[in-house]
Amino acid sequence: MSTYTVRGSFPARDGPQEFETEVEAPNENVAEERIFSNLGSQHNLKRTQITIDEVAA
């Protein structure tokens, strides 16, 4: 599995909160799904509220 760096943002109380995180996944699509899952559970967000700007290997 490869390590992907994912950058994006989600809405917070003080405006958009940017994030950059690394995740291990077999491909970019799975990396995006893991970000949706992790951020959604940690910050109580829906997938439509999370904006992914870049996925880099």
Protein backbone atom coordinates (compact mmCIF):
# COMPACT_ATOMS: atom_id res chain seq x y z
CA MET A 1 0.00 0.00 0.00
CA SER A 2 1.09 3.54 -0.73
CA THR A 3 0.98 6.60 1.48
CA TYR A 4 -1.15 9.44 0.11
CA THR A 5 -1.21 13.05 1.27
CA VAL A 6 -4.73 14.48 1.17
CA ARG A 7 -5.45 18.23 1.33
CA GLY A 8 -8.81 19.91 1.63
CA SER A 9 -11.19 21.78 3.91
CA PHE A 10 -14.40 21.49 5.87
CA PRO A 11 -16.71 24.03 7.54
CA ALA A 12 -15.96 24.95 11.15
CA ARG A 13 -17.33 27.55 13.56
CA ASP A 14 -14.76 30.19 12.56
CA GLY A 15 -14.99 29.52 8.81
CA PRO A 16 -13.39 26.89 6.62
CA GLN A 17 -10.85 24.66 8.37
CA GLU A 18 -8.08 23.43 6.07
CA PHE A 19 -6.45 20.06 6.64
CA GLU A 20 -3.55 18.04 5.32
CA THR A 21 -3.23 14.42 6.38
CA GLU A 22 -1.47 11.26 5.30
CA VAL A 23 -3.26 7.96 4.87
CA GLU A 24 -2.19 4.51 3.69
CA ALA A 25 -4.34 3.10 0.90
CA PRO A 26 -4.03 0.90 -2.20
CA ASN A 27 -5.20 3.74 -4.51
CA GLU A 28 -6.40 7.37 -4.52
CA ASN A 29 -10.11 6.51 -4.40
CA VAL A 30 -9.70 4.44 -1.25
CA ALA A 31 -7.60 7.23 0.29
CA GLU A 32 -10.46 9.70 -0.32
CA GLU A 33 -12.99 7.29 1.19
CA ARG A 34 -10.87 6.90 4.32
CA ILE A 35 -10.65 10.67 4.72
CA PHE A 36 -14.43 11.00 4.38
CA SER A 37 -14.87 8.27 6.98
CA ASN A 38 -12.28 9.60 9.47
CA LEU A 39 -13.24 13.29 9.30
CA GLY A 40 -16.93 12.47 9.31
CA SER A 41 -16.65 10.47 12.50
CA GLN A 42 -14.25 12.84 14.28
CA HIS A 43 -16.03 16.11 13.41
CA ASN A 44 -19.61 14.88 12.83
CA LEU A 45 -19.53 15.94 9.15
CA LYS A 46 -21.34 14.61 6.12
CA ARG A 47 -19.45 13.72 2.95
CA THR A 48 -20.95 16.70 1.13
CA GLN A 49 -19.40 19.06 3.71
CA ILE A 50 -15.84 17.83 3.12
CA THR A 51 -13.97 19.30 0.16
CA ILE A 52 -10.91 17.40 -1.04
CA ASP A 53 -8.62 19.61 -3.12
CA GLU A 54 -5.67 17.31 -3.78
CA VAL A 55 -4.59 13.70 -3.36
CA ALA A 56 -0.86 13.16 -3.93
CA ALA A 57 1.21 10.00 -3.64
